[in-house]
Amino acid sequence: MDLFNKLEGRPGPLGEFTSNGYGYYTFPKLEGPIGPEMRFNGKNVVVWSVNDYLGIASNPEIRKVDVEAAEKYGFSAPMGARLMTGNSDEHEALERELAEFEHKPDALLLNYGYQGIMSIIHALVDRNDYLVYDSLSHACIVDGKQLAMAEKFVYQHNDMESLEKQLERVYRNKKENSGVLVVTEGVFGMTGDLGKLNEIIALKEKYPFRLLVDDAHGFGTLGEDGSGAGTQLGCHDGIDIYFGTFAKALALIGAFVATEPRVVEFMRANVRSQIFAKSLPLPIVVSARERLRLVKENPQWRDKLRENALNLRKGLRELGYHVLPSESPVTPVMTKGSTDLCTKIMRTMREEHGIFVSGVAYPVVPKGIVLLRLIPTAAHTDEHIRRTLDGFEAIRDMVFSEAEKNQERLSLSEAIDR
């Protein structure tokens, strides 16, 4: 059979949406300066779907640095992978600053978050090792698990009893030369809850292992100094390998991992997505340094982000919506309903109320569940929140009447674990 003909009959779980909803539900085009208000489909909308948590994407100081760095270096420099010809003083300075910000002795800069975490997992464990991960892990961790040669064990989301059972299984079979890596997230990006880092770290006393935390949503937003979920929970020192991405708090491309110098030394020579890929262009590196500096110097951005998230959640709950418990900026609104309800909510909010929200339904989440994920930023105002709540109030009867058709109460994590 011809491969291309075979692909036509195998669109994949999202194929229907990327075909029929292209440009609206999938691959939408938000235009204008990045911020809480942008243009969509020719209209101004309040946007709750952009991960610019601290509202710095259009910051004038940053834009000025971006322009100056692009003019000075261009986007070709440095040419080549860092291992060969792509290193610079700027790259090394950013690594030192990231390590200091994360209270870790060393750090390694990565080109992308998704590729970076996949390659880190692949590099850290071999066929004699064991990999234990949370069932609600992001796709990049799942793909990293697929690449890893280690034996894999999955525990139910944030369920410490389930994790301990998996660790017991590991230690029944563990050989003398076997290492154990537990992987979780600092903030689970779809549901907004924090990984139970304190409880996971406590299990190290009984079952020695190393802990890798993907804190893509916590880096820059959580903790008194922005150093993430571990600091927020008072257990940052127990994280052996801290992973962060620039895509959220810094509104930029790139990522990093912070850990012991001996581990960084190993990863420099073994993380394949870095060894065999062009180095981050210098304008991006210079911009990342400036953005990190501003994040450190402006804790009020985090305060405003928390205030906006709390006010948005409070208003949604007062309207009767089921907002999942979240200790992060992520604000997930869950209701029962079909894919049709999900698309109807998005279209009605966008077209009739000027509110750009994104939702997911089956197959991203289990059948019968609609999840709307709102991303507050420090740039949103009280007026943006008020207008959004007005929109949610206007569609409330439509949403609730659909939910009543299915009386079974089922949480997202319960549904996934089933």
Protein backbone atom coordinates (compact mmCIF):
# COMPACT_ATOMS: atom_id res chain seq x y z
CA MET A 1 0.00 0.00 0.00
CA ASP A 2 1.24 3.49 -0.83
CA LEU A 3 2.33 5.27 2.33
CA PHE A 4 0.55 8.54 1.44
CA ASN A 5 -2.72 6.71 0.71
CA LYS A 6 -2.39 5.01 4.07
CA LEU A 7 -2.02 8.37 5.82
CA GLU A 8 -5.26 9.63 4.25
CA GLY A 9 -7.19 6.96 6.09
CA ARG A 10 -5.34 7.53 9.35
CA PRO A 11 -5.89 11.17 10.32
CA GLY A 12 -5.01 10.66 14.01
CA PRO A 13 -7.02 11.83 17.03
CA LEU A 14 -6.74 15.54 16.16
CA GLY A 15 -7.06 15.17 12.40
CA GLU A 16 -10.74 16.08 12.31
CA PHE A 17 -10.14 19.31 14.17
CA THR A 18 -7.11 20.40 12.16
CA SER A 19 -9.06 19.83 8.93
CA ASN A 20 -12.51 21.20 9.72
CA GLY A 21 -11.51 23.78 12.31
CA TYR A 22 -8.29 25.07 10.75
CA GLY A 23 -7.79 28.78 11.33
CA TYR A 24 -10.47 29.00 14.00
CA TYR A 25 -10.43 26.20 16.56
CA THR A 26 -6.96 25.03 15.55
CA PHE A 27 -4.15 27.14 14.12
CA PRO A 28 -5.99 30.42 14.89
CA LYS A 29 -4.17 33.66 14.07
CA LEU A 30 -3.93 36.20 16.88
CA GLU A 31 -2.60 39.45 15.48
CA GLY A 32 -1.08 42.65 16.82
CA PRO A 33 1.30 43.23 19.74
CA ILE A 34 1.25 40.33 22.20
CA GLY A 35 -0.87 41.22 25.20
CA PRO A 36 -4.21 40.74 26.94
CA GLU A 37 -6.01 42.30 23.95
CA MET A 38 -5.27 41.24 20.39
CA ARG A 39 -7.11 40.89 17.08
CA PHE A 40 -8.78 37.69 15.95
CA ASN A 41 -10.91 37.24 12.85
CA GLY A 42 -10.91 41.02 12.36
CA LYS A 43 -12.14 41.79 15.89
CA ASN A 44 -10.51 42.96 19.10
CA VAL A 45 -10.68 40.24 21.76
CA VAL A 46 -9.54 39.75 25.34
CA VAL A 47 -7.09 36.85 25.17
CA TRP A 48 -6.82 34.11 27.82
CA SER A 49 -4.80 31.65 25.74
CA VAL A 50 -1.29 33.12 25.56
CA ASN A 51 1.36 31.93 28.04
CA ASP A 52 2.94 35.36 28.53
CA TYR A 53 2.47 34.96 32.30
CA LEU A 54 4.32 38.08 33.41
CA GLY A 55 3.10 40.26 30.56
CA ILE A 56 6.59 41.02 29.27
CA ALA A 57 6.35 40.02 25.61
CA SER A 58 5.71 43.63 24.53
CA ASN A 59 7.72 45.30 27.31
CA PRO A 60 9.47 48.35 25.75
CA GLU A 61 12.79 47.64 27.52
CA ILE A 62 12.83 44.11 26.16
CA ARG A 63 11.80 45.16 22.67
CA LYS A 64 14.68 47.66 22.64
CA VAL A 65 17.20 44.97 23.68
CA ASP A 66 15.77 42.60 21.04
CA VAL A 67 16.26 45.16 18.27
CA GLU A 68 19.77 46.10 19.39
CA ALA A 69 20.87 42.46 19.72
CA ALA A 70 19.44 41.56 16.31
CA GLU A 71 21.24 44.50 14.74
CA LYS A 72 24.52 43.67 16.48
CA TYR A 73 24.63 39.91 15.90
CA GLY A 74 22.01 38.96 13.30
CA PHE A 75 20.15 35.67 13.69
CA SER A 76 22.85 33.45 12.16
CA ALA A 77 25.44 33.85 14.91
CA PRO A 78 26.77 31.66 16.30
CA MET A 79 26.76 29.09 13.52
CA GLY A 80 26.84 25.42 14.42
CA ALA A 81 26.06 23.30 17.45
CA ARG A 82 27.56 24.51 20.73
CA LEU A 83 29.75 21.41 20.96
CA MET A 84 31.54 22.42 17.76
CA THR A 85 31.31 26.10 16.81
CA GLY A 86 28.17 27.49 18.47
CA ASN A 87 29.38 28.55 21.91
CA SER A 88 29.78 32.14 23.17
CA ASP A 89 30.38 34.19 26.30
CA GLU A 90 26.68 35.16 26.22
CA HIS A 91 25.55 31.51 26.29
CA GLU A 92 27.82 30.77 29.25
CA ALA A 93 26.77 33.92 31.11
CA LEU A 94 23.09 32.99 30.73
CA GLU A 95 23.80 29.52 32.14
CA ARG A 96 25.50 31.02 35.20
CA GLU A 97 22.60 33.43 35.74
CA LEU A 98 20.02 30.65 35.42
CA ALA A 99 21.90 28.46 37.92
CA GLU A 100 22.06 31.36 40.40
CA PHE A 101 18.36 32.15 39.92
CA GLU A 102 17.47 28.50 40.59
CA HIS A 103 19.83 28.12 43.58
CA LYS A 104 21.63 25.27 41.83
CA PRO A 105 25.37 24.98 41.27
CA ASP A 106 25.27 24.66 37.47
CA ALA A 107 22.95 24.86 34.47
CA LEU A 108 22.83 23.81 30.83
CA LEU A 109 21.09 25.90 28.19
CA LEU A 110 18.73 24.08 25.81
CA ASN A 111 17.29 25.12 22.45
CA TYR A 112 13.70 24.06 23.10
CA GLY A 113 11.67 22.81 26.03
CA TYR A 114 9.93 19.91 24.30
CA GLN A 115 13.04 18.51 22.64
CA GLY A 116 15.16 19.31 25.67
CA ILE A 117 13.21 17.31 28.25
CA MET A 118 12.90 14.38 25.84
CA SER A 119 16.65 14.27 25.31
CA ILE A 120 17.44 14.75 28.99
CA ILE A 121 15.33 11.75 29.98
CA HIS A 122 16.84 9.72 27.15
CA ALA A 123 20.38 10.65 28.24
CA LEU A 124 19.99 10.13 31.98
CA VAL A 125 18.79 6.51 32.06
CA ASP A 126 20.01 3.37 30.32
CA ARG A 127 18.69 -0.18 29.92
CA ASN A 128 19.68 -1.09 33.51
CA ASP A 129 17.76 1.82 35.06
CA TYR A 130 14.16 2.51 36.08
CA LEU A 131 11.98 5.45 35.11
CA VAL A 132 8.91 6.28 37.21
CA TYR A 133 6.56 9.06 36.08
CA ASP A 134 3.17 10.68 36.79
CA SER A 135 0.22 9.54 34.65
CA LEU A 136 -0.73 13.15 33.84
CA SER A 137 2.74 14.02 32.56
CA HIS A 138 3.02 16.38 29.59
CA ALA A 139 3.46 14.87 26.13
CA CYS A 140 7.16 15.81 26.09
CA ILE A 141 7.78 13.61 29.14
CA VAL A 142 5.75 10.79 27.61
CA ASP A 143 7.79 11.05 24.42
CA GLY A 144 11.01 11.14 26.46
CA LYS A 145 9.83 8.00 28.21
CA GLN A 146 9.32 6.36 24.82
CA LEU A 147 12.91 7.17 23.85
CA ALA A 148 14.41 5.99 27.14
CA MET A 149 15.77 2.47 27.29
CA ALA A 150 15.01 2.13 31.01
CA GLU A 151 12.17 0.02 32.39
CA LYS A 152 9.14 2.25 32.93
CA PHE A 153 6.57 2.49 35.70
CA VAL A 154 3.66 4.95 35.85
CA TYR A 155 1.84 6.08 38.99
CA GLN A 156 -1.62 7.63 39.24
CA HIS A 157 -1.64 11.39 39.16
CA ASN A 158 -0.27 12.89 42.39
CA ASP A 159 -1.15 9.68 44.22
CA MET A 160 1.64 8.97 46.70
CA GLU A 161 0.30 5.53 47.58
CA SER A 162 0.44 4.63 43.89
CA LEU A 163 3.96 6.07 43.59
CA GLU A 164 5.17 4.05 46.58
CA LYS A 165 3.73 0.86 45.09
CA GLN A 166 5.67 1.49 41.88
CA LEU A 167 8.85 2.19 43.84
CA GLU A 168 8.32 -1.04 45.78
CA ARG A 169 8.10 -2.89 42.45
CA VAL A 170 11.28 -1.20 41.29
CA TYR A 171 13.20 -2.14 44.41
CA ARG A 172 12.06 -5.76 44.26
CA ASN A 173 13.76 -6.05 40.87
CA LYS A 174 16.53 -3.49 41.13
CA LYS A 175 20.05 -4.63 40.33
CA GLU A 176 23.22 -3.28 41.91
CA ASN A 177 24.01 -1.13 38.86
CA SER A 178 20.44 0.17 38.46
CA GLY A 179 19.59 3.84 38.97
CA VAL A 180 16.08 5.17 39.58
CA LEU A 181 14.70 8.40 38.12
CA VAL A 182 11.31 9.80 39.19
CA VAL A 183 9.83 12.44 36.88
CA THR A 184 6.99 14.81 37.72
CA GLU A 185 5.91 18.33 36.93
CA GLY A 186 6.11 21.35 39.19
CA VAL A 187 2.84 22.61 37.72
CA PHE A 188 0.62 20.37 35.62
CA GLY A 189 -0.16 22.61 32.70
CA MET A 190 -3.66 21.40 31.88
CA THR A 191 -5.07 21.16 35.41
CA GLY A 192 -2.94 23.77 37.21
CA ASP A 193 -2.25 21.70 40.33
CA LEU A 194 1.25 21.38 41.72
CA GLY A 195 3.19 18.16 41.87
CA LYS A 196 3.34 16.83 45.44
CA LEU A 197 7.05 17.53 45.59
CA ASN A 198 7.34 17.48 49.40
CA GLU A 199 5.79 14.03 49.62
CA ILE A 200 7.77 12.69 46.67
CA ILE A 201 11.03 13.93 48.17
CA ALA A 202 10.14 12.36 51.54
CA LEU A 203 10.00 8.95 49.81
CA LYS A 204 13.71 9.25 48.98
CA GLU A 205 14.54 8.21 52.54
CA LYS A 206 12.90 4.85 51.98
CA TYR A 207 13.58 4.37 48.26
CA PRO A 208 16.68 6.27 47.12
CA PHE A 209 16.11 7.86 43.71
CA ARG A 210 16.84 11.02 41.79
CA LEU A 211 14.03 13.51 41.08
CA LEU A 212 13.60 15.40 37.81
CA VAL A 213 10.98 18.19 37.92
CA ASP A 214 9.65 19.77 34.75
CA ASP A 215 8.63 23.21 36.03
CA ALA A 216 7.73 24.86 32.72
CA HIS A 217 4.78 26.72 34.25
CA GLY A 218 6.37 27.39 37.64
CA PHE A 219 9.66 28.93 36.49
CA GLY A 220 9.46 32.69 36.96
CA THR A 221 5.92 32.62 38.38
CA LEU A 222 5.99 30.66 41.65
CA GLY A 223 7.99 31.07 44.83
CA GLU A 224 8.87 34.31 46.56
CA ASP A 225 11.73 34.92 44.12
CA GLY A 226 10.19 33.21 41.08
CA SER A 227 12.45 30.17 41.24
CA GLY A 228 9.50 27.83 40.94
CA ALA A 229 7.26 25.23 42.50
CA GLY A 230 9.98 23.77 44.75
CA THR A 231 10.57 27.13 46.38
CA GLN A 232 6.81 27.67 46.68
CA LEU A 233 6.53 24.37 48.55
CA GLY A 234 9.71 24.83 50.58
CA CYS A 235 11.52 21.81 49.15
CA HIS A 236 13.60 23.18 46.30
CA ASP A 237 16.81 21.60 47.61
CA GLY A 238 15.24 18.15 47.25
CA ILE A 239 14.90 18.57 43.47
CA ASP A 240 17.92 16.89 41.92
CA ILE A 241 17.35 18.12 38.37
CA TYR A 242 15.30 21.25 37.73
CA PHE A 243 13.98 21.87 34.23
CA GLY A 244 12.53 25.18 33.08
CA THR A 245 11.46 26.67 29.78
CA PHE A 246 11.52 30.26 28.53
CA ALA A 247 8.22 29.82 26.66
CA LYS A 248 6.00 30.91 29.56
CA ALA A 249 7.41 33.43 32.03
CA LEU A 250 10.07 34.79 29.65
CA ALA A 251 7.83 34.68 26.54
CA LEU A 252 10.74 33.40 24.47
CA ILE A 253 12.23 30.32 22.82
CA GLY A 254 14.67 28.21 24.83
CA ALA A 255 14.96 26.16 28.02
CA PHE A 256 17.48 24.99 30.58
CA VAL A 257 18.25 22.34 33.15
CA ALA A 258 19.88 23.13 36.52
CA THR A 259 21.65 20.52 38.63
CA GLU A 260 25.05 19.34 39.88
CA PRO A 261 28.14 20.20 37.80
CA ARG A 262 28.98 16.51 37.22
CA VAL A 263 25.53 15.97 35.72
CA VAL A 264 25.77 19.09 33.54
CA GLU A 265 29.18 17.88 32.35
CA PHE A 266 27.62 14.55 31.38
CA MET A 267 24.68 16.19 29.62
CA ARG A 268 26.87 18.50 27.55
CA ALA A 269 28.24 15.43 25.81
CA ASN A 270 25.13 13.24 25.78
CA VAL A 271 21.94 15.30 25.24
CA ARG A 272 21.44 14.57 21.56
CA SER A 273 18.98 17.39 20.82
CA GLN A 274 21.80 19.81 21.70
CA ILE A 275 24.80 17.98 20.28
CA PHE A 276 23.27 17.65 16.83
CA ALA A 277 21.36 20.96 16.60
CA LYS A 278 22.35 24.55 15.90
CA SER A 279 22.99 26.70 18.94
CA LEU A 280 20.43 29.28 20.07
CA PRO A 281 20.99 32.50 18.07
CA LEU A 282 22.73 35.25 20.02
CA PRO A 283 19.82 37.74 19.91
CA ILE A 284 17.65 35.18 21.70
CA VAL A 285 20.33 34.51 24.32
CA VAL A 286 20.90 38.23 24.93
CA SER A 287 17.15 38.78 25.18
CA ALA A 288 16.78 35.90 27.64
CA ARG A 289 19.40 37.47 29.90
CA GLU A 290 17.55 40.78 29.88
CA ARG A 291 14.20 39.13 30.52
CA LEU A 292 15.60 37.14 33.42
CA ARG A 293 17.10 40.32 34.89
CA LEU A 294 13.76 42.10 34.70
CA VAL A 295 11.92 39.16 36.25
CA LYS A 296 14.33 39.25 39.21
CA GLU A 297 13.95 43.01 39.61
CA ASN A 298 10.15 43.16 39.31
CA PRO A 299 8.50 40.86 41.88
CA GLN A 300 5.34 42.98 41.55
CA TRP A 301 4.68 41.22 38.22
CA ARG A 302 4.26 37.94 40.08
CA ASP A 303 2.06 39.66 42.65
CA LYS A 304 -0.20 41.04 39.92
CA LEU A 305 -0.33 37.64 38.20
CA ARG A 306 -1.46 35.98 41.44
CA GLU A 307 -4.02 38.72 42.08
CA ASN A 308 -5.51 38.35 38.60
CA ALA A 309 -5.65 34.57 38.84
CA LEU A 310 -7.38 34.69 42.23
CA ASN A 311 -9.92 37.30 41.09
CA LEU A 312 -10.72 35.40 37.91
CA ARG A 313 -11.22 32.12 39.79
CA LYS A 314 -13.30 33.77 42.50
CA GLY A 315 -15.61 35.30 39.91
CA LEU A 316 -16.00 32.05 37.97
CA ARG A 317 -16.82 30.11 41.13
CA GLU A 318 -19.38 32.72 42.19
CA LEU A 319 -21.07 32.17 38.83
CA GLY A 320 -21.30 28.46 39.66
CA TYR A 321 -18.53 27.15 37.39
CA HIS A 322 -16.37 24.23 38.48
CA VAL A 323 -12.83 25.62 38.62
CA LEU A 324 -10.31 22.87 39.30
CA PRO A 325 -8.13 23.44 42.40
CA SER A 326 -5.02 25.25 41.19
CA GLU A 327 -2.09 26.72 43.09
CA SER A 328 -0.61 28.16 39.90
CA PRO A 329 -1.73 30.76 37.36
CA VAL A 330 -3.39 28.06 35.21
CA THR A 331 -7.18 28.39 35.60
CA PRO A 332 -9.00 25.29 34.34
CA VAL A 333 -12.80 25.37 34.09
CA MET A 334 -14.31 21.91 33.74
CA THR A 335 -17.82 20.98 32.74
CA LYS A 336 -19.60 17.95 31.37
CA GLY A 337 -20.44 17.97 27.71
CA SER A 338 -19.56 17.02 24.16
CA THR A 339 -17.08 18.27 21.60
CA ASP A 340 -19.95 20.25 20.10
CA LEU A 341 -20.41 22.08 23.40
CA CYS A 342 -16.69 22.86 23.51
CA THR A 343 -16.68 24.45 20.05
CA LYS A 344 -19.95 26.27 20.76
CA ILE A 345 -18.50 27.84 23.93
CA MET A 346 -15.39 29.00 22.09
CA ARG A 347 -17.33 30.45 19.14
CA THR A 348 -19.96 32.18 21.31
CA MET A 349 -17.37 33.73 23.63
CA ARG A 350 -15.23 34.91 20.73
CA GLU A 351 -17.95 36.18 18.41
CA GLU A 352 -20.61 37.50 20.80
CA HIS A 353 -18.53 38.61 23.78
CA GLY A 354 -15.06 39.35 22.38
CA ILE A 355 -13.38 36.85 24.70
CA PHE A 356 -10.80 34.47 23.23
CA VAL A 357 -10.79 31.27 25.27
CA SER A 358 -9.48 27.85 24.27
CA GLY A 359 -11.13 24.58 25.15
CA VAL A 360 -10.39 20.90 24.75
CA ALA A 361 -12.67 17.89 24.58
CA TYR A 362 -12.25 14.24 23.57
CA PRO A 363 -9.69 12.90 22.58
CA VAL A 364 -7.49 15.38 24.50
CA VAL A 365 -9.56 14.70 27.63
CA PRO A 366 -11.94 11.77 28.26
CA LYS A 367 -15.36 11.60 26.61
CA GLY A 368 -18.03 13.65 28.32
CA ILE A 369 -15.65 16.32 29.62
CA VAL A 370 -15.00 19.82 28.33
CA LEU A 371 -12.03 21.67 29.78
CA LEU A 372 -11.53 25.39 29.25
CA ARG A 373 -8.03 26.51 30.22
CA LEU A 374 -7.66 30.20 30.96
CA ILE A 375 -4.19 31.72 31.34
CA PRO A 376 -4.19 34.94 33.39
CA THR A 377 -1.21 37.23 32.95
CA ALA A 378 0.17 40.18 34.87
CA ALA A 379 -0.94 42.42 31.99
CA HIS A 380 -4.67 41.66 32.39
CA THR A 381 -6.69 44.38 34.09
CA ASP A 382 -9.75 44.32 36.34
CA GLU A 383 -11.78 45.42 33.31
CA HIS A 384 -10.56 42.42 31.29
CA ILE A 385 -11.65 40.13 34.12
CA ARG A 386 -15.04 41.85 34.43
CA ARG A 387 -15.74 41.55 30.70
CA THR A 388 -14.74 37.90 30.77
CA LEU A 389 -16.97 37.10 33.71
CA ASP A 390 -19.84 38.88 31.97
CA GLY A 391 -19.32 36.56 29.01
CA PHE A 392 -19.28 33.47 31.18
CA GLU A 393 -22.44 34.64 32.90
CA ALA A 394 -24.17 35.09 29.53
CA ILE A 395 -23.41 31.50 28.43
CA ARG A 396 -24.02 29.93 31.83
CA ASP A 397 -27.50 28.53 31.09
CA MET A 398 -26.28 26.94 27.87
CA VAL A 399 -23.28 25.33 29.59
CA PHE A 400 -25.15 24.14 32.68
CA SER A 401 -28.10 22.67 30.77
CA GLU A 402 -25.67 20.53 28.76
CA ALA A 403 -23.90 19.44 31.95
CA GLU A 404 -27.15 18.33 33.54
CA LYS A 405 -27.65 15.77 30.76
CA ASN A 406 -24.83 13.77 32.32
CA GLN A 407 -25.39 13.35 36.06
CA GLU A 408 -22.22 11.34 36.77
CA ARG A 409 -19.71 13.47 38.66
CA LEU A 410 -16.26 12.62 37.40
CA SER A 411 -13.07 14.53 37.95
CA LEU A 412 -10.55 14.90 35.15
CA SER A 413 -7.86 12.98 37.01
CA GLU A 414 -10.32 10.18 37.87
CA ALA A 415 -11.38 9.97 34.26
CA ILE A 416 -7.80 9.82 33.02
CA ASP A 417 -6.80 7.20 35.58
CA ARG A 418 -9.67 5.02 34.41
